[in-house]
Amino acid sequence: MQLLKRFGYYLLGVAIGVPVVLFFWKKKDVSFDYGMDARTLKTIRIRERIYSENAKETMTLHSIDTAQISKILQNGDVNFGKSKPRQKPCAEYYISGKNIDLYVVRCDSTSTIDKVFVK
């Protein structure tokens, strides 16, 4: 019986604690970017975004807007095999989206969308 009592107290604490924590997290805009892809994409997203002339031409040719690029930078996959993350002074990343791939050069204060590849 002692075990059931402890389990009941545990469930009561969880039932009260989860809504309280969720209430505070919603107000703070918290994200959990712990994976390699998530951290890389977040650092690219938070920097000033610049588009190269090559990228602008490809985007115009295929009717790609900046909202689609933002979506790729939110949900895309970083292909570290095609990337150069340790290159100095600016790291280079190949990001795969559903139908569009990006080649991004990430510097200290800017992220340049260097090339856009349409599949």
N, C-alpha and C. Protein backbone atom coordinates (compact mmCIF):
# COMPACT_ATOMS: atom_id res chain seq x y z
N MET A 1 0.81 -1.19 0.00
CA MET A 1 0.00 0.00 0.00
C MET A 1 0.86 1.26 0.00
N GLN A 2 2.01 1.18 0.65
CA GLN A 2 2.92 2.31 0.71
C GLN A 2 3.37 2.73 -0.70
N LEU A 3 3.61 1.76 -1.56
CA LEU A 3 4.05 2.04 -2.92
C LEU A 3 2.96 2.77 -3.71
N LEU A 4 1.72 2.36 -3.57
CA LEU A 4 0.61 3.02 -4.25
C LEU A 4 0.45 4.46 -3.79
N LYS A 5 0.68 4.71 -2.52
CA LYS A 5 0.58 6.06 -1.98
C LYS A 5 1.66 6.96 -2.58
N ARG A 6 2.86 6.44 -2.66
CA ARG A 6 3.97 7.20 -3.25
C ARG A 6 3.71 7.49 -4.72
N PHE A 7 3.21 6.50 -5.42
CA PHE A 7 2.90 6.67 -6.83
C PHE A 7 1.81 7.73 -7.03
N GLY A 8 0.83 7.74 -6.15
CA GLY A 8 -0.24 8.75 -6.20
C GLY A 8 0.30 10.16 -5.97
N TYR A 9 1.20 10.31 -5.00
CA TYR A 9 1.81 11.62 -4.76
C TYR A 9 2.64 12.07 -5.97
N TYR A 10 3.34 11.13 -6.56
CA TYR A 10 4.14 11.43 -7.75
C TYR A 10 3.25 11.94 -8.88
N LEU A 11 2.16 11.22 -9.16
CA LEU A 11 1.25 11.63 -10.22
C LEU A 11 0.61 12.97 -9.93
N LEU A 12 0.28 13.24 -8.68
CA LEU A 12 -0.29 14.52 -8.31
C LEU A 12 0.71 15.65 -8.57
N GLY A 13 1.96 15.44 -8.21
CA GLY A 13 3.00 16.43 -8.45
C GLY A 13 3.23 16.69 -9.93
N VAL A 14 3.24 15.63 -10.71
CA VAL A 14 3.41 15.78 -12.16
C VAL A 14 2.22 16.51 -12.76
N ALA A 15 1.01 16.17 -12.32
CA ALA A 15 -0.20 16.81 -12.86
C ALA A 15 -0.24 18.30 -12.54
N ILE A 16 0.29 18.71 -11.42
CA ILE A 16 0.34 20.13 -11.07
C ILE A 16 1.54 20.81 -11.73
N GLY A 17 2.68 20.14 -11.77
CA GLY A 17 3.92 20.75 -12.25
C GLY A 17 3.97 20.98 -13.75
N VAL A 18 3.47 20.06 -14.53
CA VAL A 18 3.55 20.18 -15.99
C VAL A 18 2.81 21.42 -16.50
N PRO A 19 1.57 21.67 -16.11
CA PRO A 19 0.91 22.90 -16.60
C PRO A 19 1.61 24.18 -16.15
N VAL A 20 2.16 24.19 -14.93
CA VAL A 20 2.86 25.38 -14.45
C VAL A 20 4.10 25.64 -15.29
N VAL A 21 4.89 24.61 -15.57
CA VAL A 21 6.10 24.78 -16.37
C VAL A 21 5.74 25.20 -17.79
N LEU A 22 4.74 24.59 -18.39
CA LEU A 22 4.32 24.96 -19.74
C LEU A 22 3.84 26.41 -19.80
N PHE A 23 3.16 26.87 -18.77
CA PHE A 23 2.69 28.25 -18.72
C PHE A 23 3.87 29.22 -18.78
N PHE A 24 4.92 28.97 -18.02
CA PHE A 24 6.07 29.87 -18.02
C PHE A 24 6.88 29.77 -19.30
N TRP A 25 7.01 28.57 -19.89
CA TRP A 25 7.78 28.40 -21.12
C TRP A 25 7.12 29.08 -22.31
N LYS A 26 5.81 29.12 -22.35
CA LYS A 26 5.12 29.78 -23.46
C LYS A 26 5.43 31.27 -23.49
N LYS A 27 5.62 31.87 -22.34
CA LYS A 27 5.90 33.31 -22.27
C LYS A 27 7.35 33.63 -22.58
N LYS A 28 8.25 32.66 -22.51
CA LYS A 28 9.68 32.94 -22.68
C LYS A 28 10.23 32.58 -24.04
N ASP A 29 9.44 32.01 -24.93
CA ASP A 29 9.91 31.62 -26.25
C ASP A 29 11.15 30.72 -26.16
N VAL A 30 11.01 29.63 -25.44
CA VAL A 30 12.10 28.69 -25.20
C VAL A 30 12.15 27.67 -26.33
N SER A 31 13.36 27.33 -26.76
CA SER A 31 13.54 26.26 -27.74
C SER A 31 14.60 25.31 -27.23
N PHE A 32 14.50 24.07 -27.64
CA PHE A 32 15.43 23.04 -27.20
C PHE A 32 16.23 22.56 -28.41
N ASP A 33 17.25 23.30 -28.75
CA ASP A 33 18.08 23.00 -29.91
C ASP A 33 19.37 22.33 -29.45
N TYR A 34 19.28 21.04 -29.19
CA TYR A 34 20.44 20.32 -28.67
C TYR A 34 21.16 19.48 -29.72
N GLY A 35 20.48 19.11 -30.78
CA GLY A 35 21.12 18.30 -31.82
C GLY A 35 22.03 19.15 -32.70
N MET A 36 22.92 18.50 -33.42
CA MET A 36 23.86 19.23 -34.28
C MET A 36 23.13 20.01 -35.37
N ASP A 37 22.15 19.38 -36.01
CA ASP A 37 21.38 20.07 -37.05
C ASP A 37 20.63 21.26 -36.48
N ALA A 38 19.98 21.07 -35.35
CA ALA A 38 19.16 22.13 -34.76
C ALA A 38 20.02 23.33 -34.35
N ARG A 39 21.17 23.07 -33.75
CA ARG A 39 22.05 24.18 -33.34
C ARG A 39 22.57 24.93 -34.55
N THR A 40 22.97 24.20 -35.57
CA THR A 40 23.50 24.84 -36.78
C THR A 40 22.43 25.69 -37.45
N LEU A 41 21.23 25.14 -37.62
CA LEU A 41 20.16 25.89 -38.27
C LEU A 41 19.76 27.11 -37.44
N LYS A 42 19.77 26.98 -36.12
CA LYS A 42 19.41 28.12 -35.28
C LYS A 42 20.44 29.24 -35.42
N THR A 43 21.73 28.90 -35.43
CA THR A 43 22.74 29.95 -35.56
C THR A 43 22.67 30.62 -36.93
N ILE A 44 22.26 29.89 -37.94
CA ILE A 44 22.08 30.50 -39.26
C ILE A 44 20.86 31.42 -39.26
N ARG A 45 19.77 30.98 -38.63
CA ARG A 45 18.53 31.76 -38.62
C ARG A 45 18.67 33.07 -37.84
N ILE A 46 19.43 33.08 -36.75
CA ILE A 46 19.45 34.28 -35.91
C ILE A 46 20.37 35.37 -36.45
N ARG A 47 21.22 35.04 -37.39
CA ARG A 47 22.10 36.06 -37.98
C ARG A 47 21.39 36.79 -39.12
N GLU A 48 21.93 37.96 -39.46
CA GLU A 48 21.39 38.71 -40.59
C GLU A 48 21.52 37.86 -41.86
N ARG A 49 20.45 37.76 -42.62
CA ARG A 49 20.44 36.91 -43.80
C ARG A 49 20.71 37.75 -45.05
N ILE A 50 21.68 37.31 -45.84
CA ILE A 50 22.05 37.97 -47.09
C ILE A 50 21.93 36.95 -48.21
N TYR A 51 21.47 37.40 -49.37
CA TYR A 51 21.33 36.51 -50.53
C TYR A 51 22.35 36.92 -51.58
N SER A 52 23.12 35.96 -52.09
CA SER A 52 24.08 36.26 -53.15
C SER A 52 23.32 36.49 -54.46
N GLU A 53 24.01 37.05 -55.43
CA GLU A 53 23.38 37.30 -56.74
C GLU A 53 22.96 35.98 -57.40
N ASN A 54 23.81 34.97 -57.27
CA ASN A 54 23.50 33.65 -57.83
C ASN A 54 22.22 33.10 -57.21
N ALA A 55 22.10 33.22 -55.89
CA ALA A 55 20.91 32.71 -55.20
C ALA A 55 19.67 33.50 -55.61
N LYS A 56 19.80 34.82 -55.73
CA LYS A 56 18.66 35.65 -56.15
C LYS A 56 18.17 35.27 -57.54
N GLU A 57 19.11 35.02 -58.46
CA GLU A 57 18.74 34.64 -59.83
C GLU A 57 17.99 33.31 -59.84
N THR A 58 18.50 32.33 -59.10
CA THR A 58 17.85 31.02 -59.04
C THR A 58 16.47 31.13 -58.41
N MET A 59 16.36 31.93 -57.35
CA MET A 59 15.06 32.11 -56.69
C MET A 59 14.05 32.76 -57.62
N THR A 60 14.49 33.75 -58.38
CA THR A 60 13.60 34.42 -59.33
C THR A 60 13.19 33.47 -60.45
N LEU A 61 14.13 32.71 -60.97
CA LEU A 61 13.87 31.78 -62.07
C LEU A 61 12.85 30.72 -61.69
N HIS A 62 12.93 30.20 -60.45
CA HIS A 62 12.06 29.11 -60.01
C HIS A 62 10.93 29.58 -59.08
N SER A 63 10.71 30.87 -58.99
CA SER A 63 9.64 31.45 -58.15
C SER A 63 9.72 30.99 -56.70
N ILE A 64 10.89 31.11 -56.14
CA ILE A 64 11.11 30.76 -54.73
C ILE A 64 11.15 32.06 -53.94
N ASP A 65 10.37 32.12 -52.85
CA ASP A 65 10.38 33.33 -52.03
C ASP A 65 11.12 33.08 -50.72
N THR A 66 11.32 34.15 -49.98
CA THR A 66 12.11 34.05 -48.74
C THR A 66 11.39 33.24 -47.67
N ALA A 67 10.07 33.13 -47.76
CA ALA A 67 9.33 32.30 -46.80
C ALA A 67 9.71 30.83 -46.96
N GLN A 68 9.90 30.39 -48.21
CA GLN A 68 10.32 29.00 -48.44
C GLN A 68 11.74 28.77 -47.90
N ILE A 69 12.60 29.75 -48.08
CA ILE A 69 13.97 29.64 -47.56
C ILE A 69 13.92 29.57 -46.03
N SER A 70 13.10 30.40 -45.41
CA SER A 70 12.97 30.38 -43.95
C SER A 70 12.46 29.04 -43.46
N LYS A 71 11.54 28.45 -44.21
CA LYS A 71 10.99 27.14 -43.82
C LYS A 71 12.08 26.06 -43.90
N ILE A 72 12.92 26.14 -44.93
CA ILE A 72 14.03 25.19 -45.04
C ILE A 72 15.00 25.37 -43.88
N LEU A 73 15.27 26.62 -43.52
CA LEU A 73 16.18 26.89 -42.41
C LEU A 73 15.56 26.51 -41.06
N GLN A 74 14.26 26.30 -41.03
CA GLN A 74 13.59 25.85 -39.81
C GLN A 74 13.55 24.32 -39.73
N ASN A 75 13.26 23.67 -40.86
CA ASN A 75 13.00 22.22 -40.85
C ASN A 75 14.00 21.39 -41.65
N GLY A 76 14.98 22.02 -42.27
CA GLY A 76 15.90 21.29 -43.14
C GLY A 76 16.89 20.41 -42.40
N ASP A 77 17.63 19.65 -43.17
CA ASP A 77 18.67 18.78 -42.64
C ASP A 77 20.02 19.27 -43.13
N VAL A 78 20.98 19.37 -42.21
CA VAL A 78 22.32 19.80 -42.57
C VAL A 78 23.11 18.57 -43.00
N ASN A 79 23.64 18.59 -44.21
CA ASN A 79 24.47 17.50 -44.71
C ASN A 79 25.92 17.85 -44.39
N PHE A 80 26.42 17.30 -43.30
CA PHE A 80 27.77 17.63 -42.86
C PHE A 80 28.84 17.03 -43.76
N GLY A 81 28.48 16.03 -44.57
CA GLY A 81 29.42 15.46 -45.52
C GLY A 81 29.76 16.43 -46.64
N LYS A 82 28.79 17.25 -47.03
CA LYS A 82 29.00 18.24 -48.09
C LYS A 82 29.35 19.62 -47.52
N SER A 83 29.35 19.75 -46.21
CA SER A 83 29.61 21.03 -45.56
C SER A 83 31.07 21.15 -45.14
N LYS A 84 31.44 22.39 -44.81
CA LYS A 84 32.79 22.67 -44.30
C LYS A 84 32.63 23.49 -43.01
N PRO A 85 32.23 22.81 -41.90
CA PRO A 85 31.91 23.56 -40.68
C PRO A 85 33.12 24.16 -39.97
N ARG A 86 34.30 23.68 -40.23
CA ARG A 86 35.49 24.18 -39.53
C ARG A 86 36.30 25.17 -40.38
N GLN A 87 35.78 25.53 -41.53
CA GLN A 87 36.50 26.45 -42.40
C GLN A 87 36.56 27.83 -41.78
N LYS A 88 37.70 28.47 -41.85
CA LYS A 88 37.91 29.81 -41.30
C LYS A 88 37.97 30.81 -42.43
N PRO A 89 37.48 31.98 -42.32
CA PRO A 89 36.79 32.61 -41.20
C PRO A 89 35.29 32.30 -41.16
N CYS A 90 34.73 31.77 -42.24
CA CYS A 90 33.29 31.51 -42.30
C CYS A 90 33.02 30.05 -42.64
N ALA A 91 32.20 29.42 -41.81
CA ALA A 91 31.82 28.03 -42.05
C ALA A 91 30.82 27.96 -43.19
N GLU A 92 30.82 26.83 -43.91
CA GLU A 92 29.91 26.64 -45.04
C GLU A 92 29.08 25.39 -44.80
N TYR A 93 27.77 25.49 -45.05
CA TYR A 93 26.86 24.38 -44.77
C TYR A 93 25.97 24.10 -45.97
N TYR A 94 25.73 22.83 -46.21
CA TYR A 94 24.81 22.37 -47.25
C TYR A 94 23.55 21.90 -46.54
N ILE A 95 22.44 22.55 -46.81
CA ILE A 95 21.19 22.27 -46.11
C ILE A 95 20.19 21.71 -47.12
N SER A 96 19.64 20.54 -46.81
CA SER A 96 18.69 19.88 -47.70
C SER A 96 17.27 20.12 -47.22
N GLY A 97 16.44 20.57 -48.14
CA GLY A 97 15.01 20.72 -47.87
C GLY A 97 14.24 19.68 -48.66
N LYS A 98 12.94 19.86 -48.74
CA LYS A 98 12.12 18.89 -49.45
C LYS A 98 12.41 18.90 -50.95
N ASN A 99 12.34 20.07 -51.58
CA ASN A 99 12.59 20.18 -53.02
C ASN A 99 13.73 21.15 -53.33
N ILE A 100 14.24 21.80 -52.31
CA ILE A 100 15.25 22.83 -52.49
C ILE A 100 16.41 22.59 -51.53
N ASP A 101 17.62 22.72 -52.03
CA ASP A 101 18.81 22.63 -51.19
C ASP A 101 19.50 23.99 -51.18
N LEU A 102 20.16 24.29 -50.08
CA LEU A 102 20.83 25.57 -49.92
C LEU A 102 22.29 25.36 -49.58
N TYR A 103 23.13 26.26 -50.06
CA TYR A 103 24.52 26.31 -49.64
C TYR A 103 24.70 27.64 -48.93
N VAL A 104 24.95 27.58 -47.62
CA VAL A 104 24.97 28.76 -46.77
C VAL A 104 26.36 28.99 -46.22
N VAL A 105 26.82 30.23 -46.26
CA VAL A 105 28.09 30.63 -45.67
C VAL A 105 27.77 31.41 -44.40
N ARG A 106 28.14 30.84 -43.24
CA ARG A 106 27.83 31.46 -41.95
C ARG A 106 29.07 32.12 -41.36
N CYS A 107 29.00 33.43 -41.22
CA CYS A 107 30.09 34.20 -40.61
C CYS A 107 29.66 34.64 -39.22
N ASP A 108 30.46 35.50 -38.60
CA ASP A 108 30.17 35.93 -37.23
C ASP A 108 28.84 36.65 -37.09
N SER A 109 28.52 37.53 -38.00
CA SER A 109 27.30 38.32 -37.86
C SER A 109 26.31 38.14 -39.00
N THR A 110 26.68 37.41 -40.04
CA THR A 110 25.78 37.24 -41.19
C THR A 110 25.72 35.78 -41.63
N SER A 111 24.62 35.45 -42.28
CA SER A 111 24.47 34.16 -42.96
C SER A 111 24.12 34.47 -44.41
N THR A 112 25.00 34.06 -45.32
CA THR A 112 24.78 34.33 -46.73
C THR A 112 24.27 33.09 -47.43
N ILE A 113 23.10 33.20 -48.03
CA ILE A 113 22.56 32.11 -48.85
C ILE A 113 23.33 32.23 -50.16
N ASP A 114 24.33 31.38 -50.33
CA ASP A 114 25.25 31.50 -51.47
C ASP A 114 24.68 30.87 -52.74
N LYS A 115 24.11 29.66 -52.59
CA LYS A 115 23.57 28.96 -53.76
C LYS A 115 22.26 28.30 -53.38
N VAL A 116 21.35 28.25 -54.34
CA VAL A 116 20.07 27.57 -54.18
C VAL A 116 19.98 26.50 -55.26
N PHE A 117 19.74 25.27 -54.85
CA PHE A 117 19.64 24.15 -55.80
C PHE A 117 18.20 23.64 -55.78
N VAL A 118 17.58 23.56 -56.95
CA VAL A 118 16.21 23.03 -57.06
C VAL A 118 16.30 21.60 -57.56
N LYS A 119 15.65 20.69 -56.86
CA LYS A 119 15.70 19.27 -57.23
C LYS A 119 14.72 18.97 -58.34
